[in-house]
Amino acid sequence: MKNLGKIDRMIRIIVALAVVSLYYTDILPGLWGISAAALASIFLITSLVSFCPLYSVIGVNTHNKKG
């Protein structure tokens, strides 16, 4: 079941790309960079599958159902 809307997915992708670029340019180095890159990968994966497990636990649904 999808629970991420289009805008939510786009924001997650933009944030993930920004964090990865900060990590690879050494603006966000070390353990903080690795942690942020791991979180960015989770954002990217959840946006690609349109499902966030945390959203389902707390009852959030940004996916618009038409019909």
N, C-alpha and C. Protein backbone atom coordinates (compact mmCIF):
# COMPACT_ATOMS: atom_id res chain seq x y z
N MET A 1 0.83 -1.17 0.00
CA MET A 1 0.00 0.00 0.00
C MET A 1 0.89 1.26 0.00
N LYS A 2 0.64 2.15 -0.89
CA LYS A 2 1.42 3.38 -0.99
C LYS A 2 0.94 4.39 0.04
N ASN A 3 1.91 5.08 0.67
CA ASN A 3 1.53 6.12 1.61
C ASN A 3 2.34 7.41 1.42
N LEU A 4 3.06 7.53 0.30
CA LEU A 4 3.81 8.75 -0.01
C LEU A 4 3.23 9.40 -1.26
N GLY A 5 2.93 10.67 -1.15
CA GLY A 5 2.43 11.42 -2.29
C GLY A 5 3.56 11.91 -3.17
N LYS A 6 3.20 12.51 -4.30
CA LYS A 6 4.19 12.96 -5.28
C LYS A 6 5.11 14.04 -4.72
N ILE A 7 4.55 15.03 -4.03
CA ILE A 7 5.37 16.11 -3.48
C ILE A 7 6.29 15.57 -2.40
N ASP A 8 5.80 14.71 -1.54
CA ASP A 8 6.60 14.10 -0.49
C ASP A 8 7.78 13.32 -1.08
N ARG A 9 7.50 12.56 -2.14
CA ARG A 9 8.56 11.79 -2.80
C ARG A 9 9.61 12.71 -3.43
N MET A 10 9.16 13.79 -4.07
CA MET A 10 10.11 14.72 -4.70
C MET A 10 11.00 15.39 -3.66
N ILE A 11 10.42 15.78 -2.54
CA ILE A 11 11.21 16.41 -1.47
C ILE A 11 12.25 15.43 -0.94
N ARG A 12 11.86 14.18 -0.74
CA ARG A 12 12.80 13.17 -0.25
C ARG A 12 13.96 12.96 -1.23
N ILE A 13 13.66 12.93 -2.53
CA ILE A 13 14.71 12.74 -3.53
C ILE A 13 15.66 13.93 -3.53
N ILE A 14 15.13 15.15 -3.46
CA ILE A 14 15.97 16.35 -3.45
C ILE A 14 16.86 16.38 -2.21
N VAL A 15 16.29 16.07 -1.05
CA VAL A 15 17.07 16.04 0.18
C VAL A 15 18.16 14.96 0.10
N ALA A 16 17.82 13.79 -0.43
CA ALA A 16 18.79 12.70 -0.54
C ALA A 16 19.94 13.10 -1.46
N LEU A 17 19.64 13.71 -2.60
CA LEU A 17 20.69 14.14 -3.52
C LEU A 17 21.56 15.23 -2.92
N ALA A 18 20.94 16.14 -2.18
CA ALA A 18 21.71 17.21 -1.53
C ALA A 18 22.66 16.65 -0.47
N VAL A 19 22.17 15.72 0.33
CA VAL A 19 23.01 15.13 1.38
C VAL A 19 24.15 14.33 0.78
N VAL A 20 23.87 13.56 -0.25
CA VAL A 20 24.92 12.78 -0.91
C VAL A 20 25.98 13.69 -1.52
N SER A 21 25.55 14.79 -2.12
CA SER A 21 26.53 15.72 -2.70
C SER A 21 27.36 16.39 -1.60
N LEU A 22 26.76 16.70 -0.46
CA LEU A 22 27.52 17.26 0.66
C LEU A 22 28.53 16.25 1.19
N TYR A 23 28.16 14.99 1.22
CA TYR A 23 29.06 13.95 1.70
C TYR A 23 30.24 13.76 0.74
N TYR A 24 29.96 13.68 -0.54
CA TYR A 24 31.04 13.43 -1.51
C TYR A 24 31.94 14.63 -1.76
N THR A 25 31.50 15.84 -1.39
CA THR A 25 32.37 17.01 -1.51
C THR A 25 33.07 17.33 -0.19
N ASP A 26 32.97 16.44 0.77
CA ASP A 26 33.59 16.56 2.10
C ASP A 26 33.13 17.77 2.89
N ILE A 27 31.96 18.28 2.59
CA ILE A 27 31.38 19.33 3.41
C ILE A 27 30.76 18.71 4.66
N LEU A 28 30.33 17.48 4.54
CA LEU A 28 29.76 16.72 5.64
C LEU A 28 30.60 15.45 5.82
N PRO A 29 31.75 15.57 6.52
CA PRO A 29 32.67 14.43 6.61
C PRO A 29 32.42 13.52 7.81
N GLY A 30 33.16 12.45 7.85
CA GLY A 30 33.20 11.57 9.01
C GLY A 30 31.91 10.83 9.30
N LEU A 31 31.72 10.58 10.59
CA LEU A 31 30.56 9.81 11.03
C LEU A 31 29.25 10.53 10.73
N TRP A 32 29.24 11.86 10.84
CA TRP A 32 28.04 12.63 10.50
C TRP A 32 27.68 12.45 9.03
N GLY A 33 28.69 12.46 8.19
CA GLY A 33 28.45 12.27 6.76
C GLY A 33 27.93 10.89 6.43
N ILE A 34 28.51 9.88 7.06
CA ILE A 34 28.07 8.51 6.84
C ILE A 34 26.65 8.32 7.33
N SER A 35 26.34 8.87 8.49
CA SER A 35 24.98 8.77 9.03
C SER A 35 23.98 9.48 8.13
N ALA A 36 24.34 10.67 7.66
CA ALA A 36 23.46 11.43 6.77
C ALA A 36 23.28 10.71 5.43
N ALA A 37 24.35 10.09 4.93
CA ALA A 37 24.25 9.35 3.67
C ALA A 37 23.37 8.11 3.83
N ALA A 38 23.43 7.48 4.98
CA ALA A 38 22.56 6.33 5.25
C ALA A 38 21.10 6.77 5.30
N LEU A 39 20.84 7.89 5.96
CA LEU A 39 19.48 8.42 6.01
C LEU A 39 19.01 8.83 4.61
N ALA A 40 19.92 9.40 3.82
CA ALA A 40 19.57 9.78 2.44
C ALA A 40 19.22 8.55 1.61
N SER A 41 19.93 7.45 1.83
CA SER A 41 19.61 6.24 1.07
C SER A 41 18.24 5.70 1.46
N ILE A 42 17.88 5.82 2.73
CA ILE A 42 16.55 5.41 3.17
C ILE A 42 15.49 6.30 2.52
N PHE A 43 15.76 7.62 2.49
CA PHE A 43 14.84 8.55 1.83
C PHE A 43 14.66 8.18 0.36
N LEU A 44 15.76 7.86 -0.31
CA LEU A 44 15.70 7.53 -1.73
C LEU A 44 14.91 6.24 -1.96
N ILE A 45 15.18 5.23 -1.17
CA ILE A 45 14.48 3.95 -1.32
C ILE A 45 12.99 4.10 -1.05
N THR A 46 12.65 4.80 0.03
CA THR A 46 11.22 4.96 0.35
C THR A 46 10.50 5.80 -0.71
N SER A 47 11.20 6.76 -1.31
CA SER A 47 10.55 7.55 -2.35
C SER A 47 10.37 6.74 -3.63
N LEU A 48 11.27 5.83 -3.91
CA LEU A 48 11.14 5.01 -5.12
C LEU A 48 10.02 3.98 -5.01
N VAL A 49 9.78 3.48 -3.81
CA VAL A 49 8.71 2.49 -3.63
C VAL A 49 7.40 3.11 -3.14
N SER A 50 7.41 4.42 -2.89
CA SER A 50 6.23 5.18 -2.43
C SER A 50 5.66 4.65 -1.12
N PHE A 51 6.50 4.13 -0.27
CA PHE A 51 6.04 3.60 1.01
C PHE A 51 7.06 3.92 2.09
N CYS A 52 6.58 4.50 3.20
CA CYS A 52 7.43 4.79 4.35
C CYS A 52 6.90 4.00 5.55
N PRO A 53 7.68 3.07 6.08
CA PRO A 53 7.22 2.29 7.23
C PRO A 53 6.90 3.15 8.45
N LEU A 54 7.66 4.21 8.66
CA LEU A 54 7.39 5.10 9.79
C LEU A 54 6.04 5.79 9.64
N TYR A 55 5.71 6.19 8.43
CA TYR A 55 4.40 6.80 8.19
C TYR A 55 3.27 5.84 8.53
N SER A 56 3.44 4.57 8.20
CA SER A 56 2.37 3.61 8.50
C SER A 56 2.23 3.38 10.00
N VAL A 57 3.32 3.47 10.73
CA VAL A 57 3.27 3.28 12.18
C VAL A 57 2.55 4.46 12.86
N ILE A 58 2.86 5.68 12.40
CA ILE A 58 2.25 6.85 13.05
C ILE A 58 0.95 7.30 12.39
N GLY A 59 0.55 6.61 11.32
CA GLY A 59 -0.74 6.88 10.70
C GLY A 59 -0.77 8.04 9.72
N VAL A 60 0.35 8.35 9.10
CA VAL A 60 0.41 9.44 8.12
C VAL A 60 0.28 8.86 6.73
N ASN A 61 -0.50 9.53 5.87
CA ASN A 61 -0.65 9.10 4.49
C ASN A 61 -0.73 10.35 3.61
N THR A 62 0.30 10.60 2.79
CA THR A 62 0.29 11.76 1.91
C THR A 62 -0.06 11.37 0.47
N HIS A 63 -0.36 10.11 0.25
CA HIS A 63 -0.72 9.63 -1.08
C HIS A 63 -2.19 9.93 -1.35
N ASN A 64 -2.44 10.63 -2.43
CA ASN A 64 -3.82 10.96 -2.78
C ASN A 64 -4.44 9.81 -3.57
N LYS A 65 -5.54 9.32 -3.07
CA LYS A 65 -6.27 8.26 -3.74
C LYS A 65 -7.35 8.90 -4.60
N LYS A 66 -7.31 8.65 -5.88
CA LYS A 66 -8.34 9.19 -6.77
C LYS A 66 -9.38 8.12 -7.04
N GLY A 67 -10.63 8.54 -7.02
CA GLY A 67 -11.66 7.59 -7.36
C GLY A 67 -12.69 7.39 -6.33
